[in-house]
Amino acid sequence: MDARHYLLVDDNRPFADNLAEILRDLGADATVVESGQEALGAVRQTRFSAVLTDMRMPNMGGAAVVHALRKVDPELPAIAITAYSGDAELGRALREGLLAVLPKPVPIQGLLAQLSVARRGGLVALVEDDPSLSENLVEALRERGFAAVTAASVLETEQLATVRLCAALVDLRVPGGADGTALARLRERHPQVPVLVITAHADALPTISGVTVFRKPFHTEALLTELESLWRAGRQ
């Protein structure tokens, strides 16, 4: 593991200290805090490579922690660790664009693999109403270190207004409006964000500059290669 610095947020201090020690033994640095408020203070002072947060903590749960930290550092990748796979708060956290959700006890090799590819500033908007395709793309993105915030309709694109994106993957035809409506809404809110259109209806694409089109069925690898190029260009 390269020299990265991770923030661990967990009110179970022995668990967090043990995980931090594992990371340090592998050459990383790790800061442990026990609450969301402490995490906010740490992020204001340090540029972390990623944050690992427990989901259930007093006063401020994991979803709220991720939301608050992203206001301070919008590029911070986030991983949730939970002993409660059915936690209602987990759904909200996933919509925040988590890089991964891992169970307790933590699968160390899986965690290290995810941390090794985590990208600062790697949050992608995915607007797609096909649940199977959306799930597959989210998983493919995570394997490359990208986190995804998803929407399945024109209305749901409203939740993307306040996040900082490196790119957007947008289906041309989703419920809630005419073809291209979700695309237009997203570009209104994020005019500088590069867009990759994924669609089976490219003939209905409105004339908009700066849009790359991937016709369904497309090669996921080609899509991810283009996305990585956009991410690198944005980091220069």
Protein backbone atom coordinates (compact mmCIF):
# COMPACT_ATOMS: atom_id res chain seq x y z
CA MET A 1 0.00 0.00 0.00
CA ASP A 2 1.34 3.44 -0.87
CA ALA A 3 1.77 6.29 1.64
CA ARG A 4 -1.83 7.36 2.15
CA HIS A 5 -3.57 8.87 5.16
CA TYR A 6 -6.92 7.48 6.25
CA LEU A 7 -9.48 8.78 8.73
CA LEU A 8 -11.26 6.15 10.85
CA VAL A 9 -14.49 7.20 12.58
CA ASP A 10 -15.84 4.71 15.12
CA ASP A 11 -17.03 4.97 18.73
CA ASN A 12 -15.61 1.47 19.32
CA ARG A 13 -12.07 2.67 19.95
CA PRO A 14 -10.38 -0.76 20.32
CA PHE A 15 -11.82 -1.86 16.97
CA ALA A 16 -10.71 1.34 15.24
CA ASP A 17 -7.25 1.27 16.81
CA ASN A 18 -6.77 -2.33 15.68
CA LEU A 19 -7.76 -1.46 12.11
CA ALA A 20 -5.53 1.61 12.18
CA GLU A 21 -2.59 -0.53 13.30
CA ILE A 22 -3.11 -2.89 10.36
CA LEU A 23 -3.08 0.05 7.96
CA ARG A 24 0.05 1.52 9.55
CA ASP A 25 1.85 -1.82 9.33
CA LEU A 26 1.22 -1.70 5.57
CA GLY A 27 2.79 1.74 5.21
CA ALA A 28 -0.24 3.99 5.45
CA ASP A 29 -1.00 6.63 8.08
CA ALA A 30 -4.24 6.49 10.05
CA THR A 31 -6.06 8.94 12.30
CA VAL A 32 -8.72 7.59 14.67
CA VAL A 33 -11.62 9.65 16.00
CA GLU A 34 -14.72 8.57 17.92
CA SER A 35 -17.42 10.95 16.67
CA GLY A 36 -18.65 12.93 13.72
CA GLN A 37 -17.67 16.20 15.36
CA GLU A 38 -14.10 15.00 15.84
CA ALA A 39 -14.07 13.83 12.23
CA LEU A 40 -15.10 17.30 11.03
CA GLY A 41 -12.26 18.85 12.99
CA ALA A 42 -9.77 16.38 11.54
CA VAL A 43 -10.90 16.96 7.94
CA ARG A 44 -10.59 20.72 8.37
CA GLN A 45 -6.92 20.22 9.24
CA THR A 46 -5.83 17.27 7.08
CA ARG A 47 -6.30 16.13 3.48
CA PHE A 48 -7.22 12.46 3.85
CA SER A 49 -7.08 9.82 1.13
CA ALA A 50 -10.36 8.28 2.35
CA VAL A 51 -12.62 8.03 5.38
CA LEU A 52 -13.85 4.79 6.94
CA THR A 53 -16.88 5.34 9.15
CA ASP A 54 -19.04 3.14 11.33
CA MET A 55 -22.75 3.44 10.56
CA ARG A 56 -24.18 3.40 14.09
CA MET A 57 -22.69 5.98 16.45
CA PRO A 58 -24.21 8.29 19.08
CA ASN A 59 -25.31 11.79 18.02
CA MET A 60 -24.16 11.52 14.39
CA GLY A 61 -24.50 8.30 12.40
CA GLY A 62 -22.37 7.26 9.46
CA ALA A 63 -24.61 8.72 6.75
CA ALA A 64 -24.65 12.10 8.49
CA VAL A 65 -20.88 11.93 8.93
CA VAL A 66 -20.32 11.36 5.21
CA HIS A 67 -22.71 14.17 4.32
CA ALA A 68 -21.04 16.61 6.72
CA LEU A 69 -17.49 15.71 5.71
CA ARG A 70 -18.28 16.15 2.03
CA LYS A 71 -19.30 19.75 2.75
CA VAL A 72 -15.77 20.37 4.03
CA ASP A 73 -13.92 18.13 1.56
CA PRO A 74 -16.14 17.27 -1.44
CA GLU A 75 -13.45 15.04 -2.97
CA LEU A 76 -13.14 12.68 0.01
CA PRO A 77 -13.87 8.99 -0.78
CA ALA A 78 -15.99 7.27 1.89
CA ILE A 79 -16.35 3.66 3.01
CA ALA A 80 -18.97 2.54 5.53
CA ILE A 81 -18.41 -0.30 7.98
CA THR A 82 -21.46 -1.82 9.65
CA ALA A 83 -22.58 -4.77 11.70
CA TYR A 84 -26.18 -4.11 10.61
CA SER A 85 -26.72 -4.94 6.93
CA GLY A 86 -30.40 -4.02 7.26
CA ASP A 87 -29.69 -0.60 8.80
CA ALA A 88 -32.22 1.92 7.46
CA GLU A 89 -29.54 4.61 7.49
CA LEU A 90 -27.46 2.56 5.08
CA GLY A 91 -29.76 3.43 2.18
CA ARG A 92 -29.19 7.13 2.74
CA ALA A 93 -25.44 6.60 2.97
CA LEU A 94 -25.40 4.69 -0.30
CA ARG A 95 -27.17 7.59 -1.99
CA GLU A 96 -24.37 9.83 -0.74
CA GLY A 97 -22.03 7.96 -3.08
CA LEU A 98 -20.13 5.51 -0.88
CA LEU A 99 -17.15 3.77 -2.36
CA ALA A 100 -18.04 0.57 -0.49
CA VAL A 101 -20.08 -0.87 2.38
CA LEU A 102 -18.22 -3.52 4.36
CA PRO A 103 -19.46 -5.77 7.20
CA LYS A 104 -18.07 -6.20 10.68
CA PRO A 105 -15.82 -8.06 11.19
CA VAL A 106 -14.08 -6.28 8.33
CA PRO A 107 -12.77 -8.44 5.46
CA ILE A 108 -9.25 -6.98 5.54
CA GLN A 109 -8.20 -8.04 2.05
CA GLY A 110 -11.37 -6.59 0.57
CA LEU A 111 -10.86 -3.35 2.47
CA LEU A 112 -7.24 -3.05 1.36
CA ALA A 113 -8.20 -3.73 -2.25
CA GLN A 114 -10.83 -0.99 -2.14
CA LEU A 115 -8.52 1.50 -0.46
CA SER A 116 -5.77 0.80 -3.01
CA VAL A 117 -7.95 2.07 -5.87
CA ALA A 118 -9.89 4.83 -4.04
CA ARG A 119 -9.85 8.07 -6.03
CA ARG A 120 -10.12 11.51 -4.52
CA GLY A 121 -12.57 13.49 -6.63
CA GLY A 122 -13.94 10.28 -8.12
CA LEU A 123 -17.66 10.82 -7.55
CA VAL A 124 -19.77 9.96 -10.61
CA ALA A 125 -23.46 10.65 -11.21
CA LEU A 126 -25.29 7.68 -12.74
CA VAL A 127 -28.76 8.42 -14.13
CA GLU A 128 -30.24 5.09 -15.26
CA ASP A 129 -33.68 3.55 -14.68
CA ASP A 130 -32.72 -0.06 -15.48
CA PRO A 131 -31.96 -1.48 -11.99
CA SER A 132 -29.82 -4.33 -13.29
CA LEU A 133 -27.68 -2.10 -15.52
CA SER A 134 -27.39 0.53 -12.79
CA GLU A 135 -26.25 -2.05 -10.23
CA ASN A 136 -23.70 -3.55 -12.63
CA LEU A 137 -22.28 -0.14 -13.52
CA VAL A 138 -22.04 0.92 -9.88
CA GLU A 139 -20.09 -2.24 -9.10
CA ALA A 140 -17.79 -1.73 -12.10
CA LEU A 141 -17.17 1.86 -11.04
CA ARG A 142 -16.30 0.84 -7.50
CA GLU A 143 -13.81 -1.73 -8.77
CA ARG A 144 -12.01 1.17 -10.47
CA GLY A 145 -12.12 3.36 -7.37
CA PHE A 146 -15.04 5.56 -8.43
CA ALA A 147 -18.05 6.14 -6.18
CA ALA A 148 -21.49 6.62 -7.70
CA VAL A 149 -24.49 8.69 -6.69
CA THR A 150 -27.49 7.35 -8.54
CA ALA A 151 -30.82 8.56 -9.88
CA ALA A 152 -33.51 6.61 -11.75
CA SER A 153 -35.80 9.44 -12.91
CA VAL A 154 -35.82 13.11 -13.86
CA LEU A 155 -37.10 13.98 -10.39
CA GLU A 156 -34.30 12.09 -8.66
CA THR A 157 -31.68 14.12 -10.52
CA GLU A 158 -32.56 16.91 -8.06
CA GLN A 159 -30.54 15.07 -5.39
CA LEU A 160 -27.42 15.55 -7.52
CA ALA A 161 -27.52 19.33 -7.33
CA THR A 162 -25.21 19.75 -4.33
CA VAL A 163 -22.53 17.10 -4.95
CA ARG A 164 -19.19 17.69 -6.66
CA LEU A 165 -18.90 15.37 -9.63
CA CYS A 166 -16.00 14.35 -11.84
CA ALA A 167 -18.34 13.06 -14.56
CA ALA A 168 -21.90 11.94 -15.24
CA LEU A 169 -23.27 8.83 -16.95
CA VAL A 170 -26.78 9.62 -18.14
CA ASP A 171 -29.41 7.53 -19.87
CA LEU A 172 -31.22 9.64 -22.44
CA ARG A 173 -34.65 8.17 -21.65
CA VAL A 174 -35.69 7.95 -17.98
CA PRO A 175 -39.12 8.39 -16.35
CA GLY A 176 -40.41 11.85 -15.53
CA GLY A 177 -39.81 13.78 -18.73
CA ALA A 178 -39.16 13.74 -22.44
CA ASP A 179 -35.97 12.28 -23.88
CA GLY A 180 -32.99 14.32 -22.76
CA THR A 181 -34.76 16.06 -19.85
CA ALA A 182 -32.59 14.47 -17.15
CA LEU A 183 -29.52 15.26 -19.20
CA ALA A 184 -30.55 18.90 -19.56
CA ARG A 185 -31.32 19.22 -15.84
CA LEU A 186 -27.97 17.77 -14.90
CA ARG A 187 -26.07 20.07 -17.24
CA GLU A 188 -27.93 23.09 -15.88
CA ARG A 189 -26.67 22.27 -12.38
CA HIS A 190 -23.20 21.07 -13.42
CA PRO A 191 -22.31 22.89 -16.63
CA GLN A 192 -18.59 22.05 -16.34
CA VAL A 193 -19.01 18.33 -15.65
CA PRO A 194 -18.25 16.05 -18.62
CA VAL A 195 -21.15 13.81 -19.62
CA LEU A 196 -21.21 10.34 -21.13
CA VAL A 197 -24.65 9.47 -22.54
CA ILE A 198 -25.63 5.79 -22.37
CA THR A 199 -28.68 5.16 -24.51
CA ALA A 200 -30.52 2.93 -26.92
CA HIS A 201 -32.12 6.05 -28.45
CA ALA A 202 -29.18 8.09 -29.72
CA ASP A 203 -31.31 9.35 -32.63
CA ALA A 204 -33.34 11.34 -30.09
CA LEU A 205 -30.30 13.03 -28.56
CA PRO A 206 -30.65 16.82 -28.52
CA THR A 207 -27.85 18.86 -30.02
CA ILE A 208 -25.56 19.51 -27.06
CA SER A 209 -21.84 20.07 -27.33
CA GLY A 210 -19.38 18.14 -25.20
CA VAL A 211 -21.41 14.94 -24.96
CA THR A 212 -19.95 11.51 -25.74
CA VAL A 213 -22.51 8.83 -26.62
CA PHE A 214 -22.29 5.12 -25.80
CA ARG A 215 -25.01 3.19 -27.58
CA LYS A 216 -26.62 0.30 -25.72
CA PRO A 217 -25.47 -2.42 -25.56
CA PHE A 218 -22.02 -0.95 -25.00
CA HIS A 219 -18.71 -2.31 -23.78
CA THR A 220 -18.36 -1.40 -20.11
CA GLU A 221 -14.58 -1.47 -20.38
CA ALA A 222 -14.65 1.19 -23.11
CA LEU A 223 -16.94 3.34 -20.99
CA LEU A 224 -14.66 3.04 -17.95
CA THR A 225 -11.57 3.82 -20.03
CA GLU A 226 -13.18 7.03 -21.24
CA LEU A 227 -14.26 7.89 -17.70
CA GLU A 228 -10.73 7.40 -16.38
CA SER A 229 -9.43 9.74 -19.08
CA LEU A 230 -11.92 12.40 -18.01
CA TRP A 231 -10.95 11.96 -14.35
CA ARG A 232 -7.25 12.34 -15.13
CA ALA A 233 -7.89 15.43 -17.25
CA GLY A 234 -9.83 16.97 -14.38
CA ARG A 235 -6.93 16.39 -11.96
CA GLN A 236 -4.43 18.31 -14.08
